[in-house]
Amino acid sequence: MIHRILNQFSFKGRITRGQYVVSLIIFYVFVYPLTLIEKHYELSEDGKGIVGLFIIPFIIFILVKGARRCHDRGNSGLYQFIPGYFFFMVFGDSDYGVNKYGPNPKGEGNDTFNTTTDQFQNALMSTMLHSDHCRHCGHQHCSCNKRR
């Protein structure tokens, strides 16, 4: 359980549009009432500081989610600070398949990457097996005693 909570604050990976929108809703549901309390009760400086301490984890939460959404589109998390990029985060589709930030969270195209990698490895092994290279280490003149 604690791992799942801490994972919400991890910058690694990707999230879908839907997950990002849910994160925005959670952010506003918790932060908006705190700002209303602060304004309505005209809190002292100490009171404002306490409310600020409650808001900080939610700000970190939404920045992490924004970074992961940027990752889903194949961009750095810093893109969320570009004016207007928010609309791409909410309305733009995910990168198809695996990108440098991880697999597609919707699962679309993730198997394509593995298939391509497997095909490459099979072609490489086939070349090695039909040449005078060692099957084990790939060197032409090896001493690993596992030659053919």
N, C-alpha and C. Protein backbone atom coordinates (compact mmCIF):
# COMPACT_ATOMS: atom_id res chain seq x y z
N MET A 1 0.83 -1.19 0.00
CA MET A 1 0.00 0.00 0.00
C MET A 1 0.87 1.26 0.00
N ILE A 2 1.86 1.29 0.88
CA ILE A 2 2.73 2.47 0.96
C ILE A 2 3.52 2.64 -0.34
N HIS A 3 3.86 1.51 -0.98
CA HIS A 3 4.58 1.56 -2.26
C HIS A 3 3.73 2.24 -3.33
N ARG A 4 2.44 1.94 -3.35
CA ARG A 4 1.54 2.54 -4.34
C ARG A 4 1.41 4.04 -4.12
N ILE A 5 1.40 4.45 -2.86
CA ILE A 5 1.31 5.89 -2.56
C ILE A 5 2.60 6.59 -2.98
N LEU A 6 3.73 6.00 -2.64
CA LEU A 6 5.01 6.61 -3.00
C LEU A 6 5.21 6.63 -4.51
N ASN A 7 4.66 5.65 -5.22
CA ASN A 7 4.76 5.60 -6.67
C ASN A 7 4.06 6.79 -7.32
N GLN A 8 3.06 7.34 -6.65
CA GLN A 8 2.35 8.51 -7.18
C GLN A 8 3.27 9.74 -7.24
N PHE A 9 4.38 9.69 -6.51
CA PHE A 9 5.32 10.80 -6.48
C PHE A 9 6.61 10.48 -7.24
N SER A 10 6.56 9.48 -8.09
CA SER A 10 7.73 9.10 -8.89
C SER A 10 7.66 9.76 -10.27
N PHE A 11 8.77 10.32 -10.71
CA PHE A 11 8.84 10.96 -12.02
C PHE A 11 9.03 9.94 -13.15
N LYS A 12 9.24 8.69 -12.83
CA LYS A 12 9.52 7.67 -13.84
C LYS A 12 8.23 7.15 -14.45
N GLY A 13 8.29 6.90 -15.75
CA GLY A 13 7.17 6.27 -16.43
C GLY A 13 6.26 7.26 -17.15
N ARG A 14 5.13 6.73 -17.56
CA ARG A 14 4.17 7.47 -18.38
C ARG A 14 2.77 7.28 -17.82
N ILE A 15 1.89 8.27 -18.06
CA ILE A 15 0.47 8.12 -17.71
C ILE A 15 -0.38 8.58 -18.89
N THR A 16 -1.60 8.08 -18.95
CA THR A 16 -2.52 8.42 -20.04
C THR A 16 -3.19 9.77 -19.77
N ARG A 17 -3.91 10.25 -20.78
CA ARG A 17 -4.69 11.48 -20.61
C ARG A 17 -5.68 11.35 -19.48
N GLY A 18 -6.39 10.22 -19.44
CA GLY A 18 -7.40 9.99 -18.41
C GLY A 18 -6.80 10.03 -17.01
N GLN A 19 -5.66 9.39 -16.84
CA GLN A 19 -5.00 9.41 -15.53
C GLN A 19 -4.57 10.83 -15.17
N TYR A 20 -4.14 11.59 -16.15
CA TYR A 20 -3.72 12.97 -15.89
C TYR A 20 -4.92 13.83 -15.49
N VAL A 21 -6.03 13.67 -16.19
CA VAL A 21 -7.23 14.45 -15.86
C VAL A 21 -7.73 14.09 -14.46
N VAL A 22 -7.72 12.81 -14.11
CA VAL A 22 -8.11 12.40 -12.75
C VAL A 22 -7.17 13.04 -11.72
N SER A 23 -5.89 13.12 -12.03
CA SER A 23 -4.93 13.76 -11.13
C SER A 23 -5.25 15.24 -10.96
N LEU A 24 -5.63 15.91 -12.05
CA LEU A 24 -6.02 17.32 -11.96
C LEU A 24 -7.25 17.49 -11.07
N ILE A 25 -8.21 16.60 -11.22
CA ILE A 25 -9.43 16.67 -10.40
C ILE A 25 -9.07 16.48 -8.93
N ILE A 26 -8.25 15.49 -8.63
CA ILE A 26 -7.82 15.24 -7.25
C ILE A 26 -7.12 16.48 -6.70
N PHE A 27 -6.25 17.06 -7.49
CA PHE A 27 -5.52 18.26 -7.07
C PHE A 27 -6.49 19.37 -6.69
N TYR A 28 -7.45 19.67 -7.57
CA TYR A 28 -8.37 20.77 -7.30
C TYR A 28 -9.34 20.46 -6.17
N VAL A 29 -9.75 19.22 -6.04
CA VAL A 29 -10.66 18.84 -4.95
C VAL A 29 -10.02 19.08 -3.59
N PHE A 30 -8.72 18.84 -3.48
CA PHE A 30 -8.05 19.02 -2.19
C PHE A 30 -7.49 20.43 -1.99
N VAL A 31 -6.98 21.05 -3.03
CA VAL A 31 -6.31 22.35 -2.88
C VAL A 31 -7.31 23.50 -2.82
N TYR A 32 -8.34 23.47 -3.62
CA TYR A 32 -9.29 24.58 -3.66
C TYR A 32 -9.92 24.84 -2.28
N PRO A 33 -10.41 23.83 -1.57
CA PRO A 33 -10.96 24.10 -0.23
C PRO A 33 -9.92 24.70 0.73
N LEU A 34 -8.68 24.27 0.61
CA LEU A 34 -7.64 24.83 1.48
C LEU A 34 -7.42 26.31 1.20
N THR A 35 -7.47 26.71 -0.06
CA THR A 35 -7.31 28.13 -0.38
C THR A 35 -8.53 28.92 0.08
N LEU A 36 -9.72 28.32 0.02
CA LEU A 36 -10.92 29.00 0.52
C LEU A 36 -10.84 29.20 2.03
N ILE A 37 -10.39 28.20 2.73
CA ILE A 37 -10.24 28.31 4.19
C ILE A 37 -9.28 29.44 4.52
N GLU A 38 -8.19 29.49 3.79
CA GLU A 38 -7.19 30.52 4.05
C GLU A 38 -7.77 31.92 3.82
N LYS A 39 -8.54 32.11 2.75
CA LYS A 39 -9.12 33.42 2.44
C LYS A 39 -10.28 33.76 3.36
N HIS A 40 -11.13 32.80 3.65
CA HIS A 40 -12.34 33.05 4.43
C HIS A 40 -12.03 33.42 5.88
N TYR A 41 -11.13 32.72 6.47
CA TYR A 41 -10.87 32.93 7.89
C TYR A 41 -9.77 33.95 8.15
N GLU A 42 -9.22 34.54 7.11
CA GLU A 42 -8.16 35.53 7.27
C GLU A 42 -7.15 35.07 8.31
N LEU A 43 -6.54 33.98 8.01
CA LEU A 43 -5.61 33.35 8.94
C LEU A 43 -4.39 34.23 9.21
N SER A 44 -3.84 34.06 10.38
CA SER A 44 -2.59 34.75 10.72
C SER A 44 -1.48 34.18 9.85
N GLU A 45 -0.31 34.78 9.93
CA GLU A 45 0.82 34.28 9.15
C GLU A 45 1.13 32.82 9.48
N ASP A 46 0.99 32.45 10.75
CA ASP A 46 1.22 31.05 11.13
C ASP A 46 0.18 30.14 10.49
N GLY A 47 -1.07 30.58 10.46
CA GLY A 47 -2.13 29.79 9.85
C GLY A 47 -1.93 29.61 8.36
N LYS A 48 -1.47 30.68 7.70
CA LYS A 48 -1.20 30.59 6.25
C LYS A 48 -0.05 29.62 5.99
N GLY A 49 0.93 29.62 6.88
CA GLY A 49 2.06 28.71 6.73
C GLY A 49 1.64 27.26 6.85
N ILE A 50 0.72 26.99 7.77
CA ILE A 50 0.23 25.62 7.96
C ILE A 50 -0.56 25.17 6.73
N VAL A 51 -1.42 26.05 6.21
CA VAL A 51 -2.17 25.72 4.99
C VAL A 51 -1.20 25.49 3.84
N GLY A 52 -0.16 26.31 3.75
CA GLY A 52 0.85 26.14 2.71
C GLY A 52 1.55 24.80 2.80
N LEU A 53 1.80 24.34 4.02
CA LEU A 53 2.43 23.03 4.21
C LEU A 53 1.52 21.90 3.72
N PHE A 54 0.21 22.08 3.87
CA PHE A 54 -0.72 21.06 3.38
C PHE A 54 -0.80 21.07 1.85
N ILE A 55 -0.58 22.23 1.25
CA ILE A 55 -0.70 22.35 -0.21
C ILE A 55 0.55 21.82 -0.92
N ILE A 56 1.71 21.92 -0.32
CA ILE A 56 2.98 21.54 -0.97
C ILE A 56 2.97 20.11 -1.53
N PRO A 57 2.52 19.10 -0.77
CA PRO A 57 2.51 17.75 -1.37
C PRO A 57 1.61 17.64 -2.61
N PHE A 58 0.52 18.41 -2.64
CA PHE A 58 -0.36 18.37 -3.80
C PHE A 58 0.28 19.05 -5.01
N ILE A 59 1.06 20.09 -4.77
CA ILE A 59 1.78 20.75 -5.86
C ILE A 59 2.82 19.79 -6.43
N ILE A 60 3.55 19.12 -5.56
CA ILE A 60 4.53 18.13 -6.02
C ILE A 60 3.81 17.02 -6.80
N PHE A 61 2.68 16.56 -6.28
CA PHE A 61 1.88 15.51 -6.93
C PHE A 61 1.51 15.91 -8.35
N ILE A 62 0.99 17.13 -8.54
CA ILE A 62 0.53 17.52 -9.88
C ILE A 62 1.72 17.78 -10.81
N LEU A 63 2.85 18.24 -10.28
CA LEU A 63 4.04 18.41 -11.13
C LEU A 63 4.59 17.06 -11.58
N VAL A 64 4.57 16.08 -10.69
CA VAL A 64 5.01 14.72 -11.05
C VAL A 64 4.09 14.15 -12.13
N LYS A 65 2.79 14.30 -11.95
CA LYS A 65 1.84 13.78 -12.94
C LYS A 65 2.01 14.50 -14.28
N GLY A 66 2.27 15.80 -14.23
CA GLY A 66 2.51 16.55 -15.47
C GLY A 66 3.76 16.05 -16.19
N ALA A 67 4.81 15.78 -15.43
CA ALA A 67 6.05 15.27 -16.04
C ALA A 67 5.80 13.91 -16.68
N ARG A 68 5.07 13.06 -15.99
CA ARG A 68 4.79 11.72 -16.54
C ARG A 68 3.90 11.80 -17.78
N ARG A 69 3.01 12.79 -17.81
CA ARG A 69 2.17 12.98 -19.00
C ARG A 69 3.03 13.48 -20.16
N CYS A 70 3.97 14.37 -19.88
CA CYS A 70 4.90 14.82 -20.92
C CYS A 70 5.72 13.64 -21.44
N HIS A 71 6.15 12.77 -20.54
CA HIS A 71 6.89 11.57 -20.94
C HIS A 71 6.05 10.72 -21.89
N ASP A 72 4.75 10.65 -21.64
CA ASP A 72 3.87 9.84 -22.48
C ASP A 72 3.84 10.38 -23.91
N ARG A 73 4.07 11.67 -24.04
CA ARG A 73 4.09 12.28 -25.36
C ARG A 73 5.51 12.33 -25.94
N GLY A 74 6.48 11.73 -25.21
CA GLY A 74 7.84 11.66 -25.71
C GLY A 74 8.69 12.88 -25.41
N ASN A 75 8.24 13.71 -24.47
CA ASN A 75 8.95 14.95 -24.15
C ASN A 75 9.45 14.96 -22.72
N SER A 76 10.37 15.87 -22.46
CA SER A 76 10.86 16.07 -21.10
C SER A 76 9.74 16.61 -20.22
N GLY A 77 9.81 16.34 -18.94
CA GLY A 77 8.82 16.85 -18.00
C GLY A 77 8.81 18.37 -17.91
N LEU A 78 9.88 19.01 -18.34
CA LEU A 78 9.95 20.47 -18.31
C LEU A 78 9.01 21.12 -19.32
N TYR A 79 8.54 20.36 -20.29
CA TYR A 79 7.60 20.90 -21.28
C TYR A 79 6.33 21.41 -20.62
N GLN A 80 5.96 20.89 -19.47
CA GLN A 80 4.72 21.33 -18.82
C GLN A 80 4.77 22.80 -18.42
N PHE A 81 5.96 23.40 -18.39
CA PHE A 81 6.09 24.81 -18.03
C PHE A 81 6.00 25.72 -19.25
N ILE A 82 5.89 25.16 -20.43
CA ILE A 82 5.72 25.96 -21.65
C ILE A 82 4.26 26.42 -21.70
N PRO A 83 4.04 27.74 -21.82
CA PRO A 83 2.67 28.24 -21.89
C PRO A 83 1.90 27.58 -23.03
N GLY A 84 0.72 27.11 -22.75
CA GLY A 84 -0.14 26.49 -23.75
C GLY A 84 0.08 25.00 -23.93
N TYR A 85 1.18 24.46 -23.43
CA TYR A 85 1.44 23.03 -23.60
C TYR A 85 0.44 22.18 -22.83
N PHE A 86 -0.18 22.79 -21.84
CA PHE A 86 -1.20 22.10 -21.04
C PHE A 86 -2.26 21.47 -21.95
N PHE A 87 -2.64 22.17 -23.01
CA PHE A 87 -3.68 21.65 -23.91
C PHE A 87 -3.21 20.39 -24.64
N PHE A 88 -1.93 20.32 -24.98
CA PHE A 88 -1.40 19.09 -25.58
C PHE A 88 -1.41 17.95 -24.57
N MET A 89 -1.17 18.29 -23.30
CA MET A 89 -1.15 17.26 -22.26
C MET A 89 -2.54 16.68 -22.04
N VAL A 90 -3.56 17.54 -22.13
CA VAL A 90 -4.93 17.09 -21.87
C VAL A 90 -5.56 16.46 -23.11
N PHE A 91 -5.29 17.03 -24.29
CA PHE A 91 -5.99 16.58 -25.50
C PHE A 91 -5.12 15.75 -26.45
N GLY A 92 -3.81 15.80 -26.31
CA GLY A 92 -2.92 15.07 -27.22
C GLY A 92 -2.86 13.59 -26.89
N ASP A 93 -2.66 12.79 -27.92
CA ASP A 93 -2.59 11.34 -27.73
C ASP A 93 -1.18 10.92 -27.31
N SER A 94 -1.08 9.70 -26.83
CA SER A 94 0.19 9.13 -26.39
C SER A 94 1.08 8.81 -27.58
N ASP A 95 2.39 8.74 -27.34
CA ASP A 95 3.30 8.17 -28.33
C ASP A 95 2.93 6.70 -28.49
N TYR A 96 2.95 6.22 -29.71
CA TYR A 96 2.64 4.82 -29.96
C TYR A 96 3.82 3.96 -29.54
N GLY A 97 3.55 2.93 -28.79
CA GLY A 97 4.58 1.97 -28.40
C GLY A 97 5.52 2.50 -27.33
N VAL A 98 6.65 1.85 -27.25
CA VAL A 98 7.66 2.18 -26.24
C VAL A 98 8.42 3.43 -26.67
N ASN A 99 8.65 4.35 -25.74
CA ASN A 99 9.56 5.46 -26.00
C ASN A 99 10.63 5.45 -24.92
N LYS A 100 11.49 6.45 -24.90
CA LYS A 100 12.62 6.42 -23.97
C LYS A 100 12.20 6.53 -22.51
N TYR A 101 10.93 6.83 -22.25
CA TYR A 101 10.45 6.94 -20.88
C TYR A 101 9.72 5.69 -20.40
N GLY A 102 9.54 4.73 -21.29
CA GLY A 102 8.92 3.48 -20.88
C GLY A 102 7.86 3.01 -21.86
N PRO A 103 7.17 1.92 -21.50
CA PRO A 103 6.13 1.38 -22.38
C PRO A 103 4.89 2.25 -22.38
N ASN A 104 4.11 2.12 -23.44
CA ASN A 104 2.85 2.85 -23.55
C ASN A 104 1.91 2.37 -22.45
N PRO A 105 1.36 3.28 -21.63
CA PRO A 105 0.49 2.85 -20.53
C PRO A 105 -0.81 2.20 -21.00
N LYS A 106 -1.20 2.47 -22.25
CA LYS A 106 -2.40 1.82 -22.80
C LYS A 106 -2.07 0.46 -23.39
N GLY A 107 -0.79 0.15 -23.50
CA GLY A 107 -0.38 -1.14 -24.05
C GLY A 107 -0.30 -1.16 -25.56
N GLU A 108 -0.57 -0.04 -26.21
CA GLU A 108 -0.57 0.00 -27.67
C GLU A 108 0.85 0.03 -28.21
N GLY A 109 1.20 -0.97 -28.97
CA GLY A 109 2.49 -1.00 -29.64
C GLY A 109 3.65 -1.47 -28.79
N ASN A 110 3.39 -1.85 -27.55
CA ASN A 110 4.48 -2.31 -26.70
C ASN A 110 5.08 -3.61 -27.20
N ASP A 111 4.26 -4.48 -27.78
CA ASP A 111 4.76 -5.75 -28.28
C ASP A 111 5.55 -5.58 -29.57
N THR A 112 5.33 -4.49 -30.31
CA THR A 112 6.08 -4.23 -31.54
C THR A 112 7.56 -4.09 -31.24
N PHE A 113 7.87 -3.38 -30.17
CA PHE A 113 9.27 -3.19 -29.79
C PHE A 113 9.93 -4.52 -29.50
N ASN A 114 9.27 -5.36 -28.71
CA ASN A 114 9.84 -6.66 -28.36
C ASN A 114 9.99 -7.55 -29.58
N THR A 115 9.01 -7.51 -30.48
CA THR A 115 9.08 -8.32 -31.69
C THR A 115 10.27 -7.90 -32.54
N THR A 116 10.46 -6.60 -32.70
CA THR A 116 11.58 -6.11 -33.49
C THR A 116 12.90 -6.51 -32.85
N THR A 117 12.99 -6.39 -31.54
CA THR A 117 14.21 -6.79 -30.83
C THR A 117 14.46 -8.27 -31.01
N ASP A 118 13.42 -9.10 -30.87
CA ASP A 118 13.56 -10.54 -31.04
C ASP A 118 14.00 -10.89 -32.45
N GLN A 119 13.43 -10.21 -33.45
CA GLN A 119 13.81 -10.47 -34.83
C GLN A 119 15.28 -10.13 -35.06
N PHE A 120 15.73 -9.03 -34.47
CA PHE A 120 17.14 -8.64 -34.60
C PHE A 120 18.05 -9.68 -33.96
N GLN A 121 17.69 -10.11 -32.75
CA GLN A 121 18.51 -11.11 -32.06
C GLN A 121 18.54 -12.42 -32.83
N ASN A 122 17.40 -12.84 -33.38
CA ASN A 122 17.36 -14.08 -34.16
C ASN A 122 18.22 -13.98 -35.41
N ALA A 123 18.17 -12.83 -36.08
CA ALA A 123 18.98 -12.64 -37.28
C ALA A 123 20.46 -12.65 -36.93
N LEU A 124 20.80 -12.02 -35.82
CA LEU A 124 22.19 -12.00 -35.38
C LEU A 124 22.68 -13.40 -35.05
N MET A 125 21.89 -14.16 -34.32
CA MET A 125 22.28 -15.53 -33.96
C MET A 125 22.39 -16.40 -35.20
N SER A 126 21.47 -16.22 -36.14
CA SER A 126 21.51 -17.00 -37.37
C SER A 126 22.80 -16.73 -38.13
N THR A 127 23.19 -15.48 -38.19
CA THR A 127 24.43 -15.11 -38.87
C THR A 127 25.62 -15.74 -38.17
N MET A 128 25.60 -15.71 -36.85
CA MET A 128 26.71 -16.26 -36.09
C MET A 128 26.79 -17.77 -36.24
N LEU A 129 25.66 -18.44 -36.29
CA LEU A 129 25.65 -19.90 -36.38
C LEU A 129 26.13 -20.40 -37.73
N HIS A 130 25.92 -19.60 -38.77
CA HIS A 130 26.31 -20.02 -40.10
C HIS A 130 27.65 -19.44 -40.53
N SER A 131 28.40 -18.96 -39.60
CA SER A 131 29.73 -18.46 -39.91
C SER A 131 30.74 -19.22 -39.06
N ASP A 132 31.96 -18.83 -39.14
CA ASP A 132 32.96 -19.51 -38.34
C ASP A 132 33.18 -18.81 -37.00
N HIS A 133 32.18 -18.08 -36.55
CA HIS A 133 32.25 -17.41 -35.25
C HIS A 133 31.72 -18.33 -34.15
N CYS A 134 32.19 -18.10 -32.96
CA CYS A 134 31.76 -18.87 -31.79
C CYS A 134 30.30 -18.57 -31.48
N ARG A 135 29.51 -19.60 -31.25
CA ARG A 135 28.11 -19.46 -30.92
C ARG A 135 27.92 -18.81 -29.55
N HIS A 136 28.86 -19.03 -28.66
CA HIS A 136 28.73 -18.56 -27.28
C HIS A 136 29.12 -17.09 -27.13
N CYS A 137 30.32 -16.74 -27.60
CA CYS A 137 30.81 -15.38 -27.35
C CYS A 137 30.81 -14.50 -28.59
N GLY A 138 30.66 -15.08 -29.78
CA GLY A 138 30.59 -14.30 -31.00
C GLY A 138 31.91 -13.98 -31.66
N HIS A 139 33.01 -14.34 -31.05
CA HIS A 139 34.33 -14.06 -31.62
C HIS A 139 34.73 -15.15 -32.61
N GLN A 140 35.50 -14.74 -33.61
CA GLN A 140 35.92 -15.70 -34.62
C GLN A 140 36.96 -16.67 -34.07
N HIS A 141 37.92 -16.18 -33.36
CA HIS A 141 38.97 -17.02 -32.78
C HIS A 141 38.86 -16.94 -31.27
N CYS A 142 38.08 -17.84 -30.69
CA CYS A 142 37.88 -17.77 -29.24
C CYS A 142 38.48 -19.00 -28.56
N SER A 143 38.56 -18.90 -27.27
CA SER A 143 39.06 -20.03 -26.49
C SER A 143 38.07 -20.40 -25.40
N CYS A 144 36.80 -20.16 -25.64
CA CYS A 144 35.80 -20.42 -24.59
C CYS A 144 35.36 -21.89 -24.58
N ASN A 145 35.85 -22.70 -25.48
CA ASN A 145 35.56 -24.14 -25.55
C ASN A 145 34.08 -24.46 -25.79
N LYS A 146 33.33 -23.52 -26.31
CA LYS A 146 31.92 -23.80 -26.62
C LYS A 146 31.67 -23.57 -28.10
N ARG A 147 32.72 -23.64 -28.86
CA ARG A 147 32.63 -23.42 -30.29
C ARG A 147 31.83 -24.55 -30.93
N ARG A 148 30.85 -24.23 -31.70
CA ARG A 148 29.97 -25.15 -32.43
C ARG A 148 29.86 -26.43 -31.73
